[in-house]
C-alpha atoms as a PDB file:
ATOM      1  CA  MET A   1      37.856 -11.985 115.465  1.00  0.00           C
ATOM      2  CA  LYS A   2      35.630 -10.647 112.682  1.00  0.00           C
ATOM      3  CA  ILE A   3      32.458  -8.758 113.583  1.00  0.00           C
ATOM      4  CA  GLY A   4      29.669  -7.555 111.302  1.00  0.00           C
ATOM      5  CA  MET A   5      27.224  -4.753 112.040  1.00  0.00           C
ATOM      6  CA  ILE A   6      23.563  -5.320 111.176  1.00  0.00           C
ATOM      7  CA  SER A   7      21.742  -1.988 110.699  1.00  0.00           C
ATOM      8  CA  PHE A   8      22.610   1.540 111.787  1.00  0.00           C
ATOM      9  CA  ALA A   9      18.980   2.361 112.583  1.00  0.00           C
ATOM     10  CA  HIS A  10      19.840   2.828 116.270  1.00  0.00           C
ATOM     11  CA  MET A  11      22.090   5.740 117.220  1.00  0.00           C
ATOM     12  CA  HIS A  12      24.296   3.493 119.371  1.00  0.00           C
ATOM     13  CA  ALA A  13      25.509   1.634 116.271  1.00  0.00           C
ATOM     14  CA  TYR A  14      27.983   4.382 115.430  1.00  0.00           C
ATOM     15  CA  SER A  15      29.634   4.199 118.842  1.00  0.00           C
ATOM     16  CA  TYR A  16      29.780   0.402 118.734  1.00  0.00           C
ATOM     17  CA  ALA A  17      31.394   0.449 115.287  1.00  0.00           C
ATOM     18  CA  HIS A  18      34.045   2.851 116.584  1.00  0.00           C
ATOM     19  CA  ALA A  19      34.635   0.539 119.538  1.00  0.00           C
ATOM     20  CA  ILE A  20      35.248  -2.415 117.213  1.00  0.00           C
ATOM     21  CA  VAL A  21      37.733  -0.375 115.196  1.00  0.00           C
ATOM     22  CA  LYS A  22      39.563   0.679 118.370  1.00  0.00           C
ATOM     23  CA  SER A  23      39.729  -2.892 119.666  1.00  0.00           C
ATOM     24  CA  GLN A  24      42.994  -4.785 119.190  1.00  0.00           C
ATOM     25  CA  ASP A  25      41.151  -8.115 119.186  1.00  0.00           C
ATOM     26  CA  ALA A  26      38.526  -7.558 116.470  1.00  0.00           C
ATOM     27  CA  THR A  27      37.919  -6.089 113.043  1.00  0.00           C
ATOM     28  CA  LEU A  28      34.774  -4.614 111.521  1.00  0.00           C
ATOM     29  CA  ALA A  29      34.333  -7.036 108.630  1.00  0.00           C
ATOM     30  CA  GLY A  30      31.135  -5.706 107.111  1.00  0.00           C
ATOM     31  CA  ILE A  31      28.028  -3.575 107.538  1.00  0.00           C
ATOM     32  CA  ALA A  32      24.559  -4.701 106.482  1.00  0.00           C
ATOM     33  CA  ASP A  33      21.905  -2.018 106.149  1.00  0.00           C
ATOM     34  CA  ASP A  34      18.885  -2.006 103.867  1.00  0.00           C
ATOM     35  CA  VAL A  35      18.925   1.796 103.787  1.00  0.00           C
ATOM     36  CA  LYS A  36      21.360   2.203 100.902  1.00  0.00           C
ATOM     37  CA  GLU A  37      22.576   5.728 101.573  1.00  0.00           C
ATOM     38  CA  ARG A  38      23.128   5.093 105.263  1.00  0.00           C
ATOM     39  CA  GLY A  39      24.784   1.730 104.715  1.00  0.00           C
ATOM     40  CA  GLU A  40      27.157   2.981 102.045  1.00  0.00           C
ATOM     41  CA  GLN A  41      28.057   6.056 104.105  1.00  0.00           C
ATOM     42  CA  MET A  42      28.915   3.969 107.174  1.00  0.00           C
ATOM     43  CA  ALA A  43      30.846   1.393 105.149  1.00  0.00           C
ATOM     44  CA  ASN A  44      32.908   4.159 103.552  1.00  0.00           C
ATOM     45  CA  GLU A  45      33.588   5.819 106.882  1.00  0.00           C
ATOM     46  CA  PHE A  46      34.689   2.596 108.550  1.00  0.00           C
ATOM     47  CA  GLU A  47      36.464   1.289 105.437  1.00  0.00           C
ATOM     48  CA  THR A  48      34.553  -1.951 105.181  1.00  0.00           C
ATOM     49  CA  THR A  49      32.039  -3.680 102.900  1.00  0.00           C
ATOM     50  CA  TRP A  50      28.370  -2.728 102.673  1.00  0.00           C
ATOM     51  CA  TYR A  51      25.696  -5.416 102.275  1.00  0.00           C
ATOM     52  CA  ALA A  52      22.162  -4.455 101.291  1.00  0.00           C
ATOM     53  CA  ASN A  53      20.865  -7.739 102.761  1.00  0.00           C
ATOM     54  CA  TYR A  54      21.967  -8.897 106.207  1.00  0.00           C
ATOM     55  CA  GLN A  55      21.599 -12.530 105.100  1.00  0.00           C
ATOM     56  CA  ASP A  56      24.496 -11.967 102.695  1.00  0.00           C
ATOM     57  CA  LEU A  57      26.650 -10.703 105.551  1.00  0.00           C
ATOM     58  CA  LEU A  58      25.757 -13.798 107.582  1.00  0.00           C
ATOM     59  CA  GLN A  59      27.085 -16.007 104.780  1.00  0.00           C
ATOM     60  CA  THR A  60      30.600 -14.577 105.189  1.00  0.00           C
ATOM     61  CA  ASP A  61      33.270 -15.837 107.593  1.00  0.00           C
ATOM     62  CA  ILE A  62      32.448 -13.361 110.371  1.00  0.00           C
ATOM     63  CA  ASP A  63      32.413 -14.680 113.931  1.00  0.00           C
ATOM     64  CA  ALA A  64      29.779 -12.395 115.419  1.00  0.00           C
ATOM     65  CA  VAL A  65      27.271  -9.654 114.715  1.00  0.00           C
ATOM     66  CA  ILE A  66      26.057  -6.550 116.511  1.00  0.00           C
ATOM     67  CA  ILE A  67      22.380  -5.845 115.832  1.00  0.00           C
ATOM     68  CA  CYS A  68      21.248  -2.206 115.988  1.00  0.00           C
ATOM     69  CA  SER A  69      18.036  -2.343 113.979  1.00  0.00           C
ATOM     70  CA  GLU A  70      14.552  -1.189 114.889  1.00  0.00           C
ATOM     71  CA  ASN A  71      13.436  -3.100 117.995  1.00  0.00           C
ATOM     72  CA  ALA A  72      10.759  -5.083 116.169  1.00  0.00           C
ATOM     73  CA  ARG A  73      13.404  -6.626 113.881  1.00  0.00           C
ATOM     74  CA  HIS A  74      15.745  -7.853 116.622  1.00  0.00           C
ATOM     75  CA  ALA A  75      14.251 -11.338 116.799  1.00  0.00           C
ATOM     76  CA  GLU A  76      14.258 -11.935 113.048  1.00  0.00           C
ATOM     77  CA  MET A  77      17.899 -10.901 112.721  1.00  0.00           C
ATOM     78  CA  ALA A  78      19.166 -12.570 115.896  1.00  0.00           C
ATOM     79  CA  ILE A  79      17.546 -15.899 115.075  1.00  0.00           C
ATOM     80  CA  ALA A  80      19.001 -15.787 111.561  1.00  0.00           C
ATOM     81  CA  ALA A  81      22.444 -15.004 112.999  1.00  0.00           C
ATOM     82  CA  ALA A  82      22.197 -17.859 115.485  1.00  0.00           C
ATOM     83  CA  LYS A  83      21.254 -20.311 112.737  1.00  0.00           C
ATOM     84  CA  ALA A  84      24.271 -19.083 110.773  1.00  0.00           C
ATOM     85  CA  GLY A  85      26.493 -19.848 113.774  1.00  0.00           C
ATOM     86  CA  LYS A  86      27.301 -16.225 114.610  1.00  0.00           C
ATOM     87  CA  HIS A  87      27.564 -14.887 118.150  1.00  0.00           C
ATOM     88  CA  ILE A  88      25.212 -11.978 118.858  1.00  0.00           C
ATOM     89  CA  LEU A  89      25.314  -8.658 120.670  1.00  0.00           C
ATOM     90  CA  CYS A  90      21.831  -7.160 120.385  1.00  0.00           C
ATOM     91  CA  GLU A  91      20.818  -3.592 121.167  1.00  0.00           C
ATOM     92  CA  LYS A  92      18.253  -3.206 123.941  1.00  0.00           C
ATOM     93  CA  PRO A  93      15.404  -3.926 124.434  1.00  0.00           C
ATOM     94  CA  ILE A  94      15.938  -7.552 123.521  1.00  0.00           C
ATOM     95  CA  ALA A  95      12.656  -7.556 121.558  1.00  0.00           C
ATOM     96  CA  THR A  96       9.167  -6.040 121.616  1.00  0.00           C
ATOM     97  CA  ASN A  97       7.337  -9.037 123.060  1.00  0.00           C
ATOM     98  CA  ILE A  98       8.047 -12.023 125.258  1.00  0.00           C
ATOM     99  CA  GLU A  99       7.576 -14.676 122.578  1.00  0.00           C
ATOM    100  CA  ASP A 100      10.249 -13.123 120.346  1.00  0.00           C
ATOM    101  CA  ALA A 101      12.672 -12.724 123.244  1.00  0.00           C
ATOM    102  CA  LYS A 102      12.295 -16.366 124.233  1.00  0.00           C
ATOM    103  CA  ALA A 103      12.721 -17.455 120.615  1.00  0.00           C
ATOM    104  CA  MET A 104      16.003 -15.503 120.443  1.00  0.00           C
ATOM    105  CA  ILE A 105      17.289 -17.130 123.625  1.00  0.00           C
ATOM    106  CA  GLN A 106      16.270 -20.578 122.400  1.00  0.00           C
ATOM    107  CA  ALA A 107      17.872 -20.085 118.985  1.00  0.00           C
ATOM    108  CA  ALA A 108      21.169 -19.071 120.566  1.00  0.00           C
ATOM    109  CA  GLU A 109      21.138 -22.076 122.882  1.00  0.00           C
ATOM    110  CA  GLU A 110      20.219 -24.547 120.140  1.00  0.00           C
ATOM    111  CA  ASN A 111      22.951 -23.291 117.821  1.00  0.00           C
ATOM    112  CA  GLY A 112      25.674 -22.990 120.444  1.00  0.00           C
ATOM    113  CA  VAL A 113      26.255 -19.253 120.133  1.00  0.00           C
ATOM    114  CA  GLN A 114      26.414 -16.460 122.699  1.00  0.00           C
ATOM    115  CA  LEU A 115      23.601 -13.905 122.989  1.00  0.00           C
ATOM    116  CA  MET A 116      24.446 -10.708 124.844  1.00  0.00           C
ATOM    117  CA  ILE A 117      22.183  -7.688 125.334  1.00  0.00           C
ATOM    118  CA  ALA A 118      23.617  -4.169 125.103  1.00  0.00           C
ATOM    119  CA  PHE A 119      23.261  -2.621 128.549  1.00  0.00           C
ATOM    120  CA  PRO A 120      26.368  -0.389 128.681  1.00  0.00           C
ATOM    121  CA  CYS A 121      25.328   1.217 131.991  1.00  0.00           C
ATOM    122  CA  ARG A 122      26.850  -1.758 133.797  1.00  0.00           C
ATOM    123  CA  PHE A 123      30.231  -0.742 132.434  1.00  0.00           C
ATOM    124  CA  HIS A 124      30.334   2.821 133.765  1.00  0.00           C
ATOM    125  CA  ALA A 125      33.111   3.140 136.328  1.00  0.00           C
ATOM    126  CA  VAL A 126      30.831   4.813 138.881  1.00  0.00           C
ATOM    127  CA  ALA A 127      28.218   2.064 138.541  1.00  0.00           C
ATOM    128  CA  GLY A 128      30.924  -0.553 139.058  1.00  0.00           C
ATOM    129  CA  GLU A 129      32.150   1.260 142.171  1.00  0.00           C
ATOM    130  CA  ILE A 130      28.690   1.242 143.757  1.00  0.00           C
ATOM    131  CA  LYS A 131      28.162  -2.382 142.759  1.00  0.00           C
ATOM    132  CA  GLU A 132      31.397  -3.339 144.536  1.00  0.00           C
ATOM    133  CA  ARG A 133      30.421  -1.415 147.675  1.00  0.00           C
ATOM    134  CA  ILE A 134      26.975  -3.038 147.715  1.00  0.00           C
ATOM    135  CA  ASP A 135      28.553  -6.482 147.364  1.00  0.00           C
ATOM    136  CA  ASN A 136      30.903  -5.690 150.250  1.00  0.00           C
ATOM    137  CA  GLY A 137      27.948  -4.829 152.491  1.00  0.00           C
ATOM    138  CA  GLU A 138      28.913  -1.204 152.906  1.00  0.00           C
ATOM    139  CA  PHE A 139      25.300  -0.011 152.662  1.00  0.00           C
ATOM    140  CA  GLY A 140      23.844  -2.835 154.732  1.00  0.00           C
ATOM    141  CA  GLN A 141      20.529  -4.296 153.636  1.00  0.00           C
ATOM    142  CA  ILE A 142      19.065  -2.488 150.648  1.00  0.00           C
ATOM    143  CA  LEU A 143      15.611  -1.134 151.392  1.00  0.00           C
ATOM    144  CA  ALA A 144      14.729   0.997 148.359  1.00  0.00           C
ATOM    145  CA  ILE A 145      16.060   2.174 144.997  1.00  0.00           C
ATOM    146  CA  ASN A 146      15.041   5.296 143.085  1.00  0.00           C
ATOM    147  CA  GLY A 147      15.973   5.672 139.441  1.00  0.00           C
ATOM    148  CA  THR A 148      15.655   8.100 136.541  1.00  0.00           C
ATOM    149  CA  ASN A 149      16.392   7.760 132.845  1.00  0.00           C
ATOM    150  CA  ARG A 150      15.187  11.007 131.299  1.00  0.00           C
ATOM    151  CA  GLY A 151      16.169  12.103 127.824  1.00  0.00           C
ATOM    152  CA  SER A 152      15.169  13.915 124.674  1.00  0.00           C
ATOM    153  CA  ASN A 153      12.650  12.496 122.244  1.00  0.00           C
ATOM    154  CA  PRO A 154      14.716  10.555 119.648  1.00  0.00           C
ATOM    155  CA  GLY A 155      11.921  10.739 117.057  1.00  0.00           C
ATOM    156  CA  ASP A 156      11.904   8.613 113.881  1.00  0.00           C
ATOM    157  CA  TRP A 157      10.978   4.936 114.407  1.00  0.00           C
ATOM    158  CA  PHE A 158      11.418   5.225 118.188  1.00  0.00           C
ATOM    159  CA  VAL A 159       7.995   6.881 118.435  1.00  0.00           C
ATOM    160  CA  GLU A 160       6.285   4.294 116.199  1.00  0.00           C
ATOM    161  CA  PRO A 161       4.991   1.528 118.505  1.00  0.00           C
ATOM    162  CA  LYS A 162       4.932  -1.135 115.775  1.00  0.00           C
ATOM    163  CA  GLN A 163       8.666  -0.688 115.258  1.00  0.00           C
ATOM    164  CA  SER A 164       9.805   0.195 118.776  1.00  0.00           C
ATOM    165  CA  GLY A 165       7.377  -1.785 120.929  1.00  0.00           C
ATOM    166  CA  GLY A 166       6.332   1.331 122.827  1.00  0.00           C
ATOM    167  CA  GLY A 167       7.724   4.747 123.612  1.00  0.00           C
ATOM    168  CA  ALA A 168       9.792   6.225 126.414  1.00  0.00           C
ATOM    169  CA  VAL A 169       8.789   3.520 128.899  1.00  0.00           C
ATOM    170  CA  MET A 170      10.039   0.743 126.607  1.00  0.00           C
ATOM    171  CA  ASP A 171      13.115   2.719 125.579  1.00  0.00           C
ATOM    172  CA  HIS A 172      14.306   3.784 129.025  1.00  0.00           C
ATOM    173  CA  THR A 173      12.909   1.364 131.603  1.00  0.00           C
ATOM    174  CA  VAL A 174      15.087  -1.572 130.565  1.00  0.00           C
ATOM    175  CA  HIS A 175      18.393   0.203 131.267  1.00  0.00           C
ATOM    176  CA  VAL A 176      17.583   1.052 134.878  1.00  0.00           C
ATOM    177  CA  VAL A 177      15.859  -2.230 135.689  1.00  0.00           C
ATOM    178  CA  ASP A 178      18.958  -4.050 134.467  1.00  0.00           C
ATOM    179  CA  VAL A 179      21.187  -1.970 136.740  1.00  0.00           C
ATOM    180  CA  MET A 180      18.894  -2.638 139.706  1.00  0.00           C
ATOM    181  CA  ARG A 181      18.887  -6.394 139.039  1.00  0.00           C
ATOM    182  CA  TRP A 182      22.675  -6.290 138.668  1.00  0.00           C
ATOM    183  CA  PHE A 183      22.977  -4.562 142.046  1.00  0.00           C
ATOM    184  CA  MET A 184      20.880  -7.335 143.632  1.00  0.00           C
ATOM    185  CA  PRO A 185      21.758 -10.697 142.010  1.00  0.00           C
ATOM    186  CA  GLY A 186      18.860 -13.134 142.088  1.00  0.00           C
ATOM    187  CA  ALA A 187      16.216 -10.532 142.884  1.00  0.00           C
ATOM    188  CA  GLU A 188      13.321 -10.193 140.431  1.00  0.00           C
ATOM    189  CA  VAL A 189      10.506  -7.675 140.139  1.00  0.00           C
ATOM    190  CA  ARG A 190       7.421  -9.164 141.807  1.00  0.00           C
ATOM    191  CA  GLU A 191       4.865  -6.438 141.144  1.00  0.00           C
ATOM    192  CA  VAL A 192       4.602  -3.299 138.987  1.00  0.00           C
ATOM    193  CA  TYR A 193       2.342  -0.254 139.148  1.00  0.00           C
ATOM    194  CA  ALA A 194       2.715   2.474 136.519  1.00  0.00           C
ATOM    195  CA  GLU A 195       1.213   5.658 135.157  1.00  0.00           C
ATOM    196  CA  VAL A 196       2.064   6.082 131.476  1.00  0.00           C
ATOM    197  CA  ASP A 197       1.104   9.035 129.258  1.00  0.00           C
ATOM    198  CA  THR A 198       2.002  11.340 126.344  1.00  0.00           C
ATOM    199  CA  ARG A 199       2.446  14.895 127.604  1.00  0.00           C
ATOM    200  CA  PHE A 200       5.537  16.480 126.075  1.00  0.00           C
ATOM    201  CA  HIS A 201       5.235  15.751 122.351  1.00  0.00           C
ATOM    202  CA  ASP A 202       2.626  15.193 119.658  1.00  0.00           C
ATOM    203  CA  ILE A 203       3.586  11.581 118.914  1.00  0.00           C
ATOM    204  CA  PRO A 204       1.754   8.226 118.635  1.00  0.00           C
ATOM    205  CA  SER A 205       3.595   6.699 121.597  1.00  0.00           C
ATOM    206  CA  ASP A 206       4.112   7.465 125.275  1.00  0.00           C
ATOM    207  CA  ASP A 207       6.761   9.993 126.261  1.00  0.00           C
ATOM    208  CA  CYS A 208       6.546   9.835 130.050  1.00  0.00           C
ATOM    209  CA  GLY A 209       5.669   7.593 132.927  1.00  0.00           C
ATOM    210  CA  LEU A 210       6.184   6.908 136.588  1.00  0.00           C
ATOM    211  CA  LEU A 211       6.842   3.323 137.626  1.00  0.00           C
ATOM    212  CA  THR A 212       6.838   1.852 141.096  1.00  0.00           C
ATOM    213  CA  PHE A 213       7.665  -1.775 141.674  1.00  0.00           C
ATOM    214  CA  GLU A 214       8.589  -4.268 144.350  1.00  0.00           C
ATOM    215  CA  PHE A 215      11.289  -6.901 144.140  1.00  0.00           C
ATOM    216  CA  ASP A 216      10.765 -10.357 145.582  1.00  0.00           C
ATOM    217  CA  ASN A 217      13.426  -9.583 148.226  1.00  0.00           C
ATOM    218  CA  GLY A 218      11.214  -6.802 149.599  1.00  0.00           C
ATOM    219  CA  VAL A 219      13.052  -3.856 148.007  1.00  0.00           C
ATOM    220  CA  ILE A 220      10.745  -1.154 146.689  1.00  0.00           C
ATOM    221  CA  ALA A 221      11.768   0.943 143.693  1.00  0.00           C
ATOM    222  CA  SER A 222      10.623   3.857 141.559  1.00  0.00           C
ATOM    223  CA  LEU A 223      11.588   5.038 138.086  1.00  0.00           C
ATOM    224  CA  ASP A 224      11.014   8.041 135.827  1.00  0.00           C
ATOM    225  CA  PRO A 225      11.797   6.890 132.238  1.00  0.00           C
ATOM    226  CA  SER A 226      10.553   9.963 130.370  1.00  0.00           C
ATOM    227  CA  TRP A 227      11.488  11.793 127.171  1.00  0.00           C
ATOM    228  CA  SER A 228      11.050  15.050 129.081  1.00  0.00           C
ATOM    229  CA  ARG A 229      14.240  16.847 128.017  1.00  0.00           C
ATOM    230  CA  SER A 230      13.936  19.547 125.351  1.00  0.00           C
ATOM    231  CA  LYS A 231      16.046  19.531 122.177  1.00  0.00           C
ATOM    232  CA  SER A 232      18.071  22.435 123.576  1.00  0.00           C
ATOM    233  CA  PHE A 233      18.872  20.683 126.862  1.00  0.00           C
ATOM    234  CA  PRO A 234      22.668  20.801 127.510  1.00  0.00           C
ATOM    235  CA  VAL A 235      22.952  16.985 127.586  1.00  0.00           C
ATOM    236  CA  TRP A 236      20.898  14.279 125.920  1.00  0.00           C
ATOM    237  CA  GLY A 237      19.528  13.021 129.246  1.00  0.00           C
ATOM    238  CA  ASP A 238      20.534  11.310 132.438  1.00  0.00           C
ATOM    239  CA  LEU A 239      20.656   8.017 134.246  1.00  0.00           C
ATOM    240  CA  THR A 240      20.632   8.116 138.026  1.00  0.00           C
ATOM    241  CA  VAL A 241      20.167   5.427 140.639  1.00  0.00           C
ATOM    242  CA  GLU A 242      19.827   6.129 144.367  1.00  0.00           C
ATOM    243  CA  VAL A 243      20.374   3.131 146.632  1.00  0.00           C
ATOM    244  CA  ILE A 244      18.974   3.380 150.162  1.00  0.00           C
ATOM    245  CA  GLY A 245      20.301   0.892 152.685  1.00  0.00           C
ATOM    246  CA  THR A 246      20.268   0.317 156.422  1.00  0.00           C
ATOM    247  CA  LYS A 247      23.879   1.560 156.743  1.00  0.00           C
ATOM    248  CA  GLY A 248      24.031   4.260 154.111  1.00  0.00           C
ATOM    249  CA  ILE A 249      22.782   5.877 150.937  1.00  0.00           C
ATOM    250  CA  ALA A 250      24.531   6.140 147.565  1.00  0.00           C
ATOM    251  CA  ARG A 251      23.527   8.054 144.468  1.00  0.00           C
ATOM    252  CA  VAL A 252      24.920   7.143 141.047  1.00  0.00           C
ATOM    253  CA  ASP A 253      24.820   9.736 138.263  1.00  0.00           C
ATOM    254  CA  LEU A 254      26.339   8.099 135.205  1.00  0.00           C
ATOM    255  CA  TYR A 255      26.589  11.289 133.152  1.00  0.00           C
ATOM    256  CA  LYS A 256      27.959  13.646 135.785  1.00  0.00           C
ATOM    257  CA  GLN A 257      31.442  13.412 134.310  1.00  0.00           C
ATOM    258  CA  ASN A 258      31.269  16.346 131.900  1.00  0.00           C
ATOM    259  CA  ILE A 259      32.722  19.727 130.992  1.00  0.00           C
ATOM    260  CA  THR A 260      30.447  22.739 130.500  1.00  0.00           C
ATOM    261  CA  LEU A 261      31.162  24.216 127.068  1.00  0.00           C
ATOM    262  CA  HIS A 262      29.965  27.680 125.952  1.00  0.00           C
ATOM    263  CA  SER A 263      30.397  27.771 122.173  1.00  0.00           C
ATOM    264  CA  ASP A 264      30.261  30.817 119.901  1.00  0.00           C
ATOM    265  CA  GLU A 265      30.037  28.473 116.910  1.00  0.00           C
ATOM    266  CA  THR A 266      26.805  26.813 118.016  1.00  0.00           C
ATOM    267  CA  MET A 267      25.593  29.618 120.302  1.00  0.00           C
ATOM    268  CA  LYS A 268      24.706  26.918 122.823  1.00  0.00           C
ATOM    269  CA  THR A 269      25.869  25.726 126.176  1.00  0.00           C
ATOM    270  CA  THR A 270      26.472  21.994 126.306  1.00  0.00           C
ATOM    271  CA  ARG A 271      27.937  19.559 128.768  1.00  0.00           C
ATOM    272  CA  GLU A 272      30.531  17.463 126.976  1.00  0.00           C
ATOM    273  CA  PHE A 273      30.965  14.005 128.474  1.00  0.00           C
ATOM    274  CA  TRP A 274      34.543  13.006 129.237  1.00  0.00           C
ATOM    275  CA  GLY A 275      34.045  10.036 131.554  1.00  0.00           C
ATOM    276  CA  SER A 276      34.547   6.300 131.244  1.00  0.00           C
ATOM    277  CA  ASP A 277      33.665   4.880 127.820  1.00  0.00           C
ATOM    278  CA  SER A 278      30.994   2.340 128.698  1.00  0.00           C
ATOM    279  CA  ASP A 279      30.285   1.513 125.044  1.00  0.00           C
ATOM    280  CA  GLN A 280      33.914   0.535 124.498  1.00  0.00           C
ATOM    281  CA  ALA A 281      33.865  -1.564 127.666  1.00  0.00           C
ATOM    282  CA  LEU A 282      30.639  -3.249 126.513  1.00  0.00           C
ATOM    283  CA  ILE A 283      32.160  -4.198 123.147  1.00  0.00           C
ATOM    284  CA  ASP A 284      35.434  -5.318 124.732  1.00  0.00           C
ATOM    285  CA  SER A 285      33.509  -7.535 127.147  1.00  0.00           C
ATOM    286  CA  PHE A 286      31.551  -9.146 124.316  1.00  0.00           C
ATOM    287  CA  ILE A 287      34.712  -9.774 122.305  1.00  0.00           C
ATOM    288  CA  LYS A 288      36.478 -11.268 125.328  1.00  0.00           C
ATOM    289  CA  SER A 289      33.598 -13.655 126.052  1.00  0.00           C
ATOM    290  CA  VAL A 290      33.465 -14.884 122.477  1.00  0.00           C
ATOM    291  CA  LYS A 291      37.227 -15.288 122.093  1.00  0.00           C
ATOM    292  CA  GLU A 292      37.631 -17.059 125.438  1.00  0.00           C
ATOM    293  CA  ASN A 293      34.369 -19.020 125.149  1.00  0.00           C
ATOM    294  CA  THR A 294      33.182 -17.761 128.524  1.00  0.00           C
ATOM    295  CA  PRO A 295      29.600 -16.709 129.376  1.00  0.00           C
ATOM    296  CA  VAL A 296      28.645 -13.167 128.410  1.00  0.00           C
ATOM    297  CA  PRO A 297      28.017 -10.891 131.418  1.00  0.00           C
ATOM    298  CA  ILE A 298      24.565  -9.757 130.216  1.00  0.00           C
ATOM    299  CA  THR A 299      22.494 -12.638 128.914  1.00  0.00           C
ATOM    300  CA  GLY A 300      19.348 -12.923 126.846  1.00  0.00           C
ATOM    301  CA  GLU A 301      17.569 -13.825 130.060  1.00  0.00           C
ATOM    302  CA  ASP A 302      18.691 -10.499 131.553  1.00  0.00           C
ATOM    303  CA  GLY A 303      17.244  -8.755 128.522  1.00  0.00           C
ATOM    304  CA  LEU A 304      13.982 -10.642 128.853  1.00  0.00           C
ATOM    305  CA  ARG A 305      13.566  -9.777 132.537  1.00  0.00           C
ATOM    306  CA  ALA A 306      14.163  -6.066 131.935  1.00  0.00           C
ATOM    307  CA  MET A 307      11.721  -5.992 129.012  1.00  0.00           C
ATOM    308  CA  GLU A 308       9.066  -7.788 131.072  1.00  0.00           C
ATOM    309  CA  VAL A 309       9.031  -4.888 133.530  1.00  0.00           C
ATOM    310  CA  ALA A 310       8.448  -2.376 130.720  1.00  0.00           C
ATOM    311  CA  LEU A 311       5.614  -4.511 129.313  1.00  0.00           C
ATOM    312  CA  ALA A 312       4.117  -4.899 132.780  1.00  0.00           C
ATOM    313  CA  ALA A 313       4.219  -1.104 133.183  1.00  0.00           C
ATOM    314  CA  TYR A 314       2.093  -0.647 130.060  1.00  0.00           C
ATOM    315  CA  HIS A 315      -0.299  -3.340 131.255  1.00  0.00           C
ATOM    316  CA  SER A 316      -0.589  -1.746 134.690  1.00  0.00           C
ATOM    317  CA  SER A 317      -1.267   1.669 133.179  1.00  0.00           C
ATOM    318  CA  LYS A 318      -4.143   0.279 131.133  1.00  0.00           C
ATOM    319  CA  LYS A 319      -5.650  -1.661 134.031  1.00  0.00           C
ATOM    320  CA  LEU A 320      -5.043   1.172 136.527  1.00  0.00           C
ATOM    321  CA  GLN A 321      -3.820  -1.331 139.081  1.00  0.00           C
ATOM    322  CA  PRO A 322      -0.669  -3.267 140.036  1.00  0.00           C
ATOM    323  CA  VAL A 323       0.229  -6.291 137.899  1.00  0.00           C
ATOM    324  CA  PRO A 324       2.695  -9.179 138.272  1.00  0.00           C
ATOM    325  CA  GLY A 325       6.303  -8.433 137.365  1.00  0.00           C
ATOM    326  CA  THR A 326       8.961 -10.626 135.782  1.00  0.00           C
ATOM    327  CA  GLY A 327       8.759 -14.327 135.147  1.00  0.00           C
ATOM    328  CA  THR A 328       4.950 -14.408 135.164  1.00  0.00           C
ATOM    329  CA  THR A 329       4.028 -12.291 132.153  1.00  0.00           C
ATOM    330  CA  SER A 330       2.764 -13.646 128.860  1.00  0.00           C
ATOM    331  CA  GLY A 331       1.901 -12.621 125.340  1.00  0.00           C
ATOM    332  CA  GLN A 332      -1.228 -10.702 126.302  1.00  0.00           C
ATOM    333  CA  PHE A 333       0.945  -7.819 127.530  1.00  0.00           C
ATOM    334  CA  LYS A 334       0.752  -5.619 124.451  1.00  0.00           C
ATOM    335  CA  THR A 335       1.899  -2.007 124.565  1.00  0.00           C
ATOM    336  CA  PHE A 336      -0.492  -0.540 121.996  1.00  0.00           C
END
């Protein structure tokens, strides 16, 4: 199976490219990036061909693409890939607005290709363990879920709303909402209330927020999706989910698997992650679905539902009141 990478604008692209190279079932057949220096550097490192125009890559005999561009370009690239008959793994969030997300889903369906959204948190071993215990009824009826996804400010286009679709709330909300939906199949967010602000950095987008929402199965949830970690923080950030049930409580910390390193070379203390490689598992899952022609585990619809919650959070913050959650939002939910 031949896979092409479209853009290295997102930091996850590097890890995904490594995962393709490590896979026994796929090859990295080309890299398209309109930033010449970056594209050539990555193509040289991964010993493949660089394309200045992603349309040229789509004209080759690749089977699939992984899109890691700026968020605002996801729809354009994914729709073009679908029309070219290429299967798609797209970095989160699926898009920056609902219309684009739906157009991506429709294009994939009409052209008979798979569309998968990159939510690697589902593939962490500890997340899978809790998911299995929830499914087995070990925690009884779920009553509430508390989540965090706090990190450092990534800067660059991430803080430019026209390219990213928002700030920290758009960047970090989707990961945790997807995990919560995965823990409770069929449950959707009914209502969202959020406070969103810019308090940690001098940037044109939000860098913090506090979201509370209610699922249509009665579960209440909260989330801190901030860029509140300093550049010198020992790890990039965190992702935690606490599940509160009638029979027990479980707390997932996806980045707890680390070694504390005191380095004379950097004069810093860092926590080096050694745990399960969720990015590799994400790529392997995508490859398996395409090769076996089986449904991808994280669909475009999953991506849409997670993004809707982030958009609803921005809307709620502006209105200073709760707003409807997933499945009822429309194009008037603009972040900025």
